Amino acid sequence: MVPRLTTALSGPLQDLERRILDRMPDIERWLRTKWLEHTVPFYASVDLRNAGFKLAPVDTNLFPGGFNNLNPAFMPLCVQAVQTAVERVCPDARGVLLVPENHTRNTFYLRNVATLAGILRQAGMRVRIGTLLPEIAQATRIDLPDGEAIVLEPIVRRARRVGLADFDPCMVLLNNDLSAGRPAVLEDIDQPVAPPLSAGWYNRRKSHHFDLYRGVAREFGELLGIDPWLVDPYFGVCGEIDFQERTGEECLRSNVDFLLARIRAKYAEYGIDEQPFVIVKADAGTYGMGIMTVRDASEVVGLNRKQRNKMAVVKEGLEVTSVIIQEGVHTFESIDDAIAEPVVYMIDRFVVGGFYRVHTARGKDENLNAPGAQFVPLAFEAPCIPDPQGPAGCAPNRFYAYGVVARLAQLAAALEIEALENAVPAAALA
C-alpha cells in the first residue's frame, strides 16, 4: 500500500511541482548534460524536507546505509542501476569487495549490507564482504533476524592490490563513511575505490556540499524560472567551536540570529505564517548525532552540560570543531499521525526508490534522524501520469519532484568529490 500523506496539495509547492512536471524534458536534458561534464557518484541518499511551500535537501549521504528499507518492488531497478555503476568504474567487473561499517551488533545496518550484496549478485557480480575490524582474523558468519546471514572476512593486501585470501576483486565498494579516517590498507592500491577515500566524513564538510549545492540550485532556478530558495536551504558555518570549553558561542549566536532574520524576510515575502527555525549540527558526520533545533539565538548561549556533551562528539568519537547552521525546513508530511520525511536513494544517475523516515515523538520542526525513527518504504500502487492532478484515483506524482531535487544534491556531491579529489577551492567548481 502507498503511504497516505497528509501534505496539503495546494499553495506554492503545488505550483513548484507542476512546474517541475511540465518541464520534465528540459530537466532531464539539463541533467544529462551535467553527467557528461561530471562523474556521477556510485550511489547516494538524500534526506528531503517538504514544507508545503518549499522542498529542499537537508543532508546528502555518499555511503547510504538503508537499502534494506527500500520497497522490494524497486529491486529490479537497483540491479540495472548497479550494472551501469560497476561497469563505469570497472568495465570487466569480475568481482566486488564490499567494505561495510564496523557495526557488527547493529542488525538493522547489517541487513542493509546483506541487501546491497544481494543487489550486486543479482547484477552478475561476485561479491565478498571484507571488514576493517582488526579482531576479525578469519571468516565470521553473522546470522540476521530475518533468517539471512552475511560472512565478514579479513581484508588481505598483496603489494598494490587488496582482496581476501582467495579473492582478487576488480573494485572496492565502500559502505563505510570513514568517520575514523582513511584505512591504511586501502591507500595507494591499483583497484578503483568507490566512493573515493577522499569522500569520507573525516574529510567532507556539509558546508562545502551546500555551498556547491547553492550554485546548482541557482542554475536550476534559472532553468525553471523560479526562486532558488524554494529548493535551497540557507546556511551559515562556525569553523572554530568547542562545546566543552564554551568557545565559539558568539559565532554561533550571531550566525543563528542572522540566519533567522533572512528566513523571516523570505517568509514575509511569501506570506508564510510559520515560526522560522534553524538546525545546528556537526559540519561532518552522520547518524543524526550532534544536532539541535534552535528557534531563537539565545538558545545557543550557555548550553547545559547535557546539551554540550550531545553536541561535542559524533560517530567514531569524532570531535566537533565546526558546525553548520542550516535553515530549518518544516515537514508537513505524516503517516498515521507521525511526522515523516522522504529519503531518496540513487545508484549512478538513476533514482532507485526511497522510504519515509517516520518519528512519533518528533515535531514538524525537529530532526527525525534520531533514536525511535521508523521507516516506511516509498512506492506507488500503480504508475501515474506525470501531472500534479493525475487521473481519477491516482495520487499526485510527488515522487518525481523528490527525485529531481535529490538529483540536484547528487550533482552537488559530484562537484564536491571533484573538489576533494583535486584539492581545489569549492568556488572554482560552483
Protein backbone atom coordinates (compact mmCIF):
# COMPACT_ATOMS: atom_id res chain seq x y z
CA MET A 1 0.00 0.00 0.00
CA VAL A 2 1.12 3.53 -0.74
CA PRO A 3 1.53 5.60 2.46
CA ARG A 4 -1.28 8.15 2.64
CA LEU A 5 0.35 11.51 3.34
CA THR A 6 -1.38 14.50 4.90
CA THR A 7 0.68 17.03 2.93
CA ALA A 8 -1.53 19.83 1.64
CA LEU A 9 -1.75 19.66 -2.16
CA SER A 10 -2.29 23.40 -2.56
CA GLY A 11 -0.24 26.55 -2.40
CA PRO A 12 3.25 27.34 -3.74
CA LEU A 13 4.59 23.78 -3.60
CA GLN A 14 1.89 22.50 -5.90
CA ASP A 15 2.89 25.22 -8.33
CA LEU A 16 6.53 24.16 -7.96
CA GLU A 17 5.61 20.52 -8.56
CA ARG A 18 3.53 21.42 -11.60
CA ARG A 19 6.40 23.47 -13.00
CA ILE A 20 8.84 20.59 -12.43
CA LEU A 21 6.49 18.10 -14.10
CA ASP A 22 5.72 20.44 -17.00
CA ARG A 23 9.43 20.95 -17.63
CA MET A 24 10.36 17.28 -17.30
CA PRO A 25 12.02 17.02 -20.78
CA ASP A 26 14.08 20.17 -20.15
CA ILE A 27 15.11 18.99 -16.68
CA GLU A 28 16.17 15.55 -17.90
CA ARG A 29 18.10 17.09 -20.80
CA TRP A 30 19.85 19.50 -18.42
CA LEU A 31 20.79 16.69 -16.04
CA ARG A 32 22.13 14.58 -18.92
CA THR A 33 24.44 17.41 -19.95
CA LYS A 34 25.70 17.67 -16.36
CA TRP A 35 26.58 13.96 -16.29
CA LEU A 36 28.55 14.43 -19.50
CA GLU A 37 30.62 17.08 -17.70
CA HIS A 38 30.93 15.44 -14.26
CA THR A 39 31.36 11.93 -12.87
CA VAL A 40 28.22 10.72 -11.13
CA PRO A 41 28.76 9.30 -7.60
CA PHE A 42 28.47 5.50 -7.39
CA TYR A 43 25.48 5.86 -5.06
CA ALA A 44 23.95 8.37 -2.68
CA SER A 45 20.93 9.02 -0.48
CA VAL A 46 19.36 12.41 0.16
CA ASP A 47 17.16 13.44 3.10
CA LEU A 48 14.46 15.83 1.91
CA ARG A 49 12.02 18.06 3.77
CA ASN A 50 8.68 19.04 2.26
CA ALA A 51 7.34 22.21 3.92
CA GLY A 52 4.36 22.65 1.60
CA PHE A 53 5.88 25.95 0.45
CA LYS A 54 9.40 24.56 -0.05
CA LEU A 55 11.06 21.26 -0.99
CA ALA A 56 14.76 21.03 -0.16
CA PRO A 57 17.55 18.59 0.72
CA VAL A 58 18.92 18.76 4.26
CA ASP A 59 21.56 16.03 4.11
CA THR A 60 23.41 14.03 1.44
CA ASN A 61 25.00 10.68 2.28
CA LEU A 62 27.60 9.21 -0.08
CA PHE A 63 27.63 5.87 1.78
CA PRO A 64 23.90 5.07 2.10
CA GLY A 65 23.07 2.50 4.77
CA GLY A 66 19.37 1.78 4.32
CA PHE A 67 19.00 -0.38 1.20
CA ASN A 68 17.02 -2.83 3.34
CA ASN A 69 14.34 -0.14 3.77
CA LEU A 70 13.58 0.12 0.05
CA ASN A 71 10.42 -1.43 -1.32
CA PRO A 72 11.26 -4.85 -2.87
CA ALA A 73 9.41 -3.69 -5.98
CA PHE A 74 12.35 -1.38 -6.69
CA MET A 75 14.98 -4.16 -6.66
CA PRO A 76 14.99 -4.73 -10.47
CA LEU A 77 15.72 -1.03 -10.96
CA CYS A 78 18.51 -1.23 -8.34
CA VAL A 79 20.05 -4.18 -10.18
CA GLN A 80 20.03 -2.38 -13.54
CA ALA A 81 21.50 0.77 -12.00
CA VAL A 82 24.26 -1.19 -10.22
CA GLN A 83 25.25 -2.83 -13.50
CA THR A 84 25.75 0.63 -15.01
CA ALA A 85 27.58 1.95 -11.94
CA VAL A 86 30.01 -1.00 -11.71
CA GLU A 87 30.72 -1.01 -15.45
CA ARG A 88 31.53 2.70 -15.26
CA VAL A 89 34.11 2.08 -12.50
CA CYS A 90 35.42 -1.31 -13.60
CA PRO A 91 34.42 -2.34 -17.15
CA ASP A 92 35.46 -6.01 -16.81
CA ALA A 93 33.64 -6.25 -13.44
CA ARG A 94 34.84 -9.66 -12.35
CA GLY A 95 34.33 -9.15 -8.62
CA VAL A 96 33.45 -6.58 -5.97
CA LEU A 97 34.91 -6.31 -2.45
CA LEU A 98 32.22 -4.69 -0.28
CA VAL A 99 33.64 -2.90 2.78
CA PRO A 100 30.97 -2.12 5.41
CA GLU A 101 30.86 -0.11 8.62
CA ASN A 102 32.16 -1.70 11.83
CA HIS A 103 28.63 -2.06 13.28
CA THR A 104 28.69 -5.82 13.86
CA ARG A 105 25.98 -5.51 16.55
CA ASN A 106 23.66 -3.27 14.54
CA THR A 107 21.43 -5.81 12.82
CA PHE A 108 19.47 -3.09 11.00
CA TYR A 109 22.67 -1.91 9.33
CA LEU A 110 23.82 -5.48 8.61
CA ARG A 111 20.52 -6.14 6.83
CA ASN A 112 21.45 -3.18 4.61
CA VAL A 113 24.79 -4.87 3.86
CA ALA A 114 23.03 -8.13 3.01
CA THR A 115 20.58 -6.30 0.71
CA LEU A 116 23.35 -4.38 -1.04
CA ALA A 117 25.38 -7.57 -1.55
CA GLY A 118 22.25 -9.23 -2.94
CA ILE A 119 21.72 -6.41 -5.44
CA LEU A 120 25.32 -6.73 -6.63
CA ARG A 121 24.98 -10.52 -7.01
CA GLN A 122 21.74 -10.16 -8.98
CA ALA A 123 23.63 -7.77 -11.24
CA GLY A 124 26.02 -10.61 -12.05
CA MET A 125 28.90 -9.69 -9.73
CA ARG A 126 30.90 -11.96 -7.49
CA VAL A 127 30.68 -10.25 -4.10
CA ARG A 128 32.57 -10.84 -0.86
CA ILE A 129 32.48 -8.69 2.29
CA GLY A 130 35.80 -7.52 3.68
CA THR A 131 35.92 -5.94 7.14
CA LEU A 132 38.26 -3.32 8.57
CA LEU A 133 37.83 -4.74 12.08
CA PRO A 134 41.25 -5.98 13.30
CA GLU A 135 39.69 -8.52 15.66
CA ILE A 136 38.17 -10.48 12.78
CA ALA A 137 41.04 -12.71 11.65
CA GLN A 138 39.01 -15.36 9.85
CA ALA A 139 35.71 -15.73 8.02
CA THR A 140 32.96 -14.89 10.51
CA ARG A 141 29.30 -15.65 9.87
CA ILE A 142 26.68 -13.31 11.36
CA ASP A 143 23.09 -14.55 11.37
CA LEU A 144 20.42 -11.90 10.93
CA PRO A 145 16.92 -11.84 12.47
CA ASP A 146 15.21 -12.29 9.08
CA GLY A 147 16.95 -15.64 8.50
CA GLU A 148 19.66 -14.27 6.22
CA ALA A 149 23.35 -14.25 7.10
CA ILE A 150 26.47 -12.40 6.00
CA VAL A 151 30.10 -13.51 6.19
CA LEU A 152 32.75 -10.96 7.17
CA GLU A 153 36.32 -11.75 6.13
CA PRO A 154 39.63 -10.02 6.91
CA ILE A 155 40.98 -7.87 4.10
CA VAL A 156 44.29 -9.09 2.67
CA ARG A 157 46.72 -6.80 0.88
CA ARG A 158 49.24 -8.06 -1.66
CA ALA A 159 51.55 -5.31 -2.98
CA ARG A 160 49.17 -2.76 -4.57
CA ARG A 161 46.06 -4.97 -4.58
CA VAL A 162 43.55 -5.80 -1.88
CA GLY A 163 41.09 -8.64 -1.57
CA LEU A 164 40.54 -11.72 0.54
CA ALA A 165 42.67 -14.82 0.95
CA ASP A 166 41.15 -16.42 -2.16
CA PHE A 167 39.50 -13.43 -3.84
CA ASP A 168 41.05 -10.76 -6.07
CA PRO A 169 38.28 -8.22 -6.84
CA CYS A 170 38.03 -5.78 -9.71
CA MET A 171 36.93 -2.93 -7.44
CA VAL A 172 36.34 -1.94 -3.81
CA LEU A 173 32.88 -0.63 -2.92
CA LEU A 174 32.84 1.35 0.33
CA ASN A 175 29.74 1.29 2.50
CA ASN A 176 31.78 2.78 5.33
CA ASP A 177 31.70 6.58 5.72
CA LEU A 178 35.29 6.68 7.07
CA SER A 179 34.46 8.86 10.06
CA ALA A 180 37.54 7.31 11.72
CA GLY A 181 39.83 8.28 8.83
CA ARG A 182 41.42 6.73 5.75
CA PRO A 183 42.17 3.00 6.18
CA ALA A 184 45.87 2.37 5.51
CA VAL A 185 45.06 -0.97 3.87
CA LEU A 186 43.17 0.82 1.08
CA GLU A 187 45.76 3.52 0.41
CA ASP A 188 47.55 3.58 -2.98
CA ILE A 189 46.01 0.44 -4.43
CA ASP A 190 45.59 -0.36 -8.12
CA GLN A 191 41.89 -1.20 -7.91
CA PRO A 192 39.35 1.62 -8.10
CA VAL A 193 37.65 2.52 -4.81
CA ALA A 194 34.09 3.89 -4.93
CA PRO A 195 33.20 6.28 -3.46
CA PRO A 196 36.81 7.55 -3.26
CA LEU A 197 38.57 7.64 0.11
CA SER A 198 38.59 11.44 -0.02
CA ALA A 199 34.78 11.45 0.27
CA GLY A 200 34.81 10.09 3.85
CA TRP A 201 33.48 12.16 6.73
CA TYR A 202 37.00 12.64 8.10
CA ASN A 203 37.41 14.95 5.09
CA ARG A 204 33.93 16.06 3.94
CA ARG A 205 32.16 19.15 5.26
CA LYS A 206 28.42 19.68 4.96
CA SER A 207 29.00 23.40 4.49
CA HIS A 208 31.21 22.62 1.47
CA HIS A 209 28.48 20.44 -0.02
CA PHE A 210 25.73 23.02 0.48
CA ASP A 211 27.95 25.79 -0.85
CA LEU A 212 28.20 23.83 -4.09
CA TYR A 213 24.50 22.94 -3.93
CA ARG A 214 23.68 26.64 -3.81
CA GLY A 215 25.27 27.07 -7.24
CA VAL A 216 23.36 24.07 -8.61
CA ALA A 217 20.08 25.40 -7.19
CA ARG A 218 20.75 28.81 -8.70
CA GLU A 219 21.26 27.30 -12.16
CA PHE A 220 18.19 25.08 -11.74
CA GLY A 221 16.17 28.12 -10.68
CA GLU A 222 17.18 29.92 -13.88
CA LEU A 223 16.18 26.87 -15.93
CA LEU A 224 12.68 26.76 -14.41
CA GLY A 225 12.26 30.47 -13.77
CA ILE A 226 11.82 30.02 -10.02
CA ASP A 227 13.34 31.44 -6.85
CA PRO A 228 16.24 29.06 -5.97
CA TRP A 229 15.27 29.41 -2.30
CA LEU A 230 12.28 27.13 -2.98
CA VAL A 231 14.71 24.20 -3.31
CA ASP A 232 17.71 25.51 -1.33
CA PRO A 233 18.10 25.90 2.45
CA TYR A 234 20.07 28.92 3.66
CA PHE A 235 23.05 28.10 5.87
CA GLY A 236 25.98 29.54 7.82
CA VAL A 237 29.02 27.95 9.42
CA CYS A 238 31.11 28.34 12.57
CA GLY A 239 34.52 26.84 11.86
CA GLU A 240 36.12 27.11 15.29
CA ILE A 241 33.98 25.87 18.15
CA ASP A 242 34.49 23.82 21.30
CA PHE A 243 31.26 22.99 23.11
CA GLN A 244 33.01 21.65 26.20
CA GLU A 245 35.14 24.79 26.61
CA ARG A 246 32.29 27.08 25.55
CA THR A 247 34.40 28.70 22.84
CA GLY A 248 32.70 29.87 19.65
CA GLU A 249 29.38 30.66 21.34
CA GLU A 250 29.32 34.22 19.98
CA CYS A 251 29.97 32.98 16.43
CA LEU A 252 27.10 30.53 16.87
CA ARG A 253 24.74 33.12 18.34
CA SER A 254 25.42 35.73 15.65
CA ASN A 255 25.06 33.19 12.81
CA VAL A 256 21.78 31.89 14.21
CA ASP A 257 20.45 35.43 14.61
CA PHE A 258 21.48 36.42 11.07
CA LEU A 259 20.04 33.27 9.51
CA LEU A 260 16.73 33.56 11.34
CA ALA A 261 16.42 37.17 10.10
CA ARG A 262 16.99 36.01 6.49
CA ILE A 263 14.36 33.30 6.84
CA ARG A 264 11.85 35.73 8.38
CA ALA A 265 12.34 38.04 5.40
CA LYS A 266 11.61 35.18 2.99
CA TYR A 267 8.56 34.11 4.98
CA ALA A 268 7.27 37.69 4.81
CA GLU A 269 7.91 37.78 1.05
CA TYR A 270 5.85 34.62 0.51
CA GLY A 271 3.23 35.28 3.19
CA ILE A 272 4.23 32.21 5.22
CA ASP A 273 2.72 32.10 8.70
CA GLU A 274 5.19 29.72 10.39
CA GLN A 275 7.88 30.16 13.02
CA PRO A 276 11.36 30.11 11.45
CA PHE A 277 13.94 27.79 12.96
CA VAL A 278 17.45 26.57 12.23
CA ILE A 279 19.21 23.26 12.72
CA VAL A 280 22.67 23.37 14.28
CA LYS A 281 24.66 20.23 13.51
CA ALA A 282 28.19 18.95 13.20
CA ASP A 283 29.75 20.00 9.91
CA ALA A 284 30.99 16.42 9.44
CA GLY A 285 29.41 13.10 10.35
CA THR A 286 26.10 11.32 10.17
CA TYR A 287 23.71 9.03 12.08
CA GLY A 288 21.79 12.03 13.40
CA MET A 289 24.39 12.82 16.05
CA GLY A 290 25.34 16.34 17.17
CA ILE A 291 22.09 18.04 16.13
CA MET A 292 19.83 20.60 17.81
CA THR A 293 16.77 22.63 16.74
CA VAL A 294 17.02 26.38 17.52
CA ARG A 295 14.19 28.92 17.27
CA ASP A 296 15.95 31.86 18.95
CA ALA A 297 19.62 32.86 19.11
CA SER A 298 19.51 32.92 22.92
CA GLU A 299 19.07 29.13 22.92
CA VAL A 300 22.69 28.51 21.85
CA VAL A 301 24.25 30.59 24.63
CA GLY A 302 25.03 28.96 27.97
CA LEU A 303 24.20 25.38 26.99
CA ASN A 304 24.00 23.00 29.95
CA ARG A 305 26.36 20.05 30.38
CA LYS A 306 23.96 17.54 28.79
CA GLN A 307 23.48 19.74 25.71
CA ARG A 308 27.23 20.35 25.37
CA ASN A 309 28.01 16.64 25.67
CA LYS A 310 25.42 15.86 23.00
CA MET A 311 26.94 18.36 20.57
CA ALA A 312 30.64 17.81 21.31
CA VAL A 313 31.23 14.35 19.80
CA VAL A 314 29.73 12.39 16.90
CA LYS A 315 30.22 8.94 15.35
CA GLU A 316 33.56 7.17 15.96
CA GLY A 317 34.29 9.69 18.72
CA LEU A 318 34.95 12.40 16.12
CA GLU A 319 35.24 15.70 18.00
CA VAL A 320 33.03 18.51 16.74
CA THR A 321 35.13 21.58 15.94
CA SER A 322 32.91 23.06 13.23
CA VAL A 323 29.12 23.30 12.89
CA ILE A 324 26.76 24.19 10.08
CA ILE A 325 23.75 26.35 10.93
CA GLN A 326 21.14 25.31 8.39
CA GLU A 327 17.75 26.80 7.65
CA GLY A 328 15.16 24.51 9.15
CA VAL A 329 12.62 23.23 6.64
CA HIS A 330 9.30 22.19 8.20
CA THR A 331 7.82 18.87 7.20
CA PHE A 332 4.06 18.77 6.80
CA GLU A 333 4.03 15.13 5.78
CA SER A 334 2.83 12.47 8.18
CA ILE A 335 1.93 8.79 8.20
CA ASP A 336 -0.59 7.55 10.75
CA ASP A 337 -0.26 10.88 12.61
CA ALA A 338 3.54 10.54 12.86
CA ILE A 339 5.80 13.19 11.31
CA ALA A 340 7.55 11.91 8.15
CA GLU A 341 10.28 12.95 5.70
CA PRO A 342 11.31 11.31 2.43
CA VAL A 343 14.75 9.80 1.86
CA VAL A 344 15.60 9.23 -1.81
CA TYR A 345 18.12 6.62 -2.98
CA MET A 346 20.18 6.85 -6.16
CA ILE A 347 22.61 4.45 -7.81
CA ASP A 348 24.67 6.02 -10.57
CA ARG A 349 22.37 8.60 -12.21
CA PHE A 350 19.19 6.67 -11.52
CA VAL A 351 16.64 7.25 -8.76
CA VAL A 352 16.03 3.71 -7.47
CA GLY A 353 13.49 4.31 -4.71
CA GLY A 354 13.39 5.55 -1.17
CA PHE A 355 11.47 5.48 2.05
CA TYR A 356 9.85 7.74 4.59
CA ARG A 357 11.64 8.28 7.88
CA VAL A 358 8.87 8.47 10.47
CA HIS A 359 9.07 9.55 14.12
CA THR A 360 6.13 9.52 16.53
CA ALA A 361 7.87 11.65 19.17
CA ARG A 362 9.17 14.48 16.98
CA GLY A 363 7.53 17.63 15.64
CA LYS A 364 7.40 19.22 12.20
CA ASP A 365 10.39 21.44 13.04
CA GLU A 366 12.64 18.76 14.56
CA ASN A 367 15.28 16.34 13.32
CA LEU A 368 13.75 12.92 12.60
CA ASN A 369 17.05 11.06 12.23
CA ALA A 370 17.06 10.08 15.89
CA PRO A 371 16.51 7.00 18.08
CA GLY A 372 12.92 5.82 17.71
CA ALA A 373 12.70 6.56 13.97
CA GLN A 374 10.89 4.02 11.79
CA PHE A 375 10.99 3.50 8.05
CA VAL A 376 8.11 3.09 5.58
CA PRO A 377 9.05 2.07 2.01
CA LEU A 378 8.18 4.70 -0.57
CA ALA A 379 6.29 3.42 -3.59
CA PHE A 380 3.15 3.97 -5.63
CA GLU A 381 0.45 1.35 -6.07
CA ALA A 382 0.29 1.87 -9.82
CA PRO A 383 2.00 4.03 -12.47
CA CYS A 384 0.70 7.58 -12.57
CA ILE A 385 0.51 10.05 -15.41
CA PRO A 386 3.10 12.77 -14.65
CA ASP A 387 0.66 15.52 -13.83
CA PRO A 388 0.02 17.09 -10.39
CA GLN A 389 -3.70 16.31 -10.69
CA GLY A 390 -3.24 12.81 -12.09
CA PRO A 391 -6.06 10.65 -13.41
CA ALA A 392 -9.04 9.82 -11.21
CA GLY A 393 -7.98 7.85 -8.15
CA CYS A 394 -4.26 8.35 -8.79
CA ALA A 395 -2.07 10.13 -6.26
CA PRO A 396 -0.08 13.18 -7.45
CA ASN A 397 3.36 12.12 -8.63
CA ARG A 398 5.30 13.80 -5.85
CA PHE A 399 7.97 11.12 -6.28
CA TYR A 400 9.25 12.74 -9.49
CA ALA A 401 9.69 16.10 -7.78
CA TYR A 402 11.51 14.34 -4.92
CA GLY A 403 13.77 12.61 -7.42
CA VAL A 404 14.62 15.85 -9.20
CA VAL A 405 15.62 17.69 -6.01
CA ALA A 406 17.57 14.65 -4.80
CA ARG A 407 19.48 14.59 -8.09
CA LEU A 408 20.34 18.27 -7.66
CA ALA A 409 22.01 17.27 -4.38
CA GLN A 410 23.67 14.34 -6.15
CA LEU A 411 25.11 16.77 -8.72
CA ALA A 412 26.44 18.95 -5.89
CA ALA A 413 28.02 15.80 -4.42
CA ALA A 414 29.72 15.12 -7.76
CA LEU A 415 31.20 18.63 -7.71
CA GLU A 416 32.19 18.10 -4.09
CA ILE A 417 34.05 14.86 -4.87
CA GLU A 418 35.87 16.57 -7.73
CA ALA A 419 36.98 19.31 -5.36
CA LEU A 420 38.08 16.82 -2.69
CA GLU A 421 39.94 14.65 -5.20
CA ASN A 422 41.65 17.59 -6.88
CA ALA A 423 42.04 19.70 -3.71
CA VAL A 424 40.77 22.85 -5.40
CA PRO A 425 38.61 25.55 -3.78
CA ALA A 426 34.87 24.89 -3.90
CA ALA A 427 34.27 28.26 -5.55
CA ALA A 428 36.19 27.15 -8.62
CA LEU A 429 33.62 24.40 -9.26
CA ALA A 430 30.46 26.25 -8.28
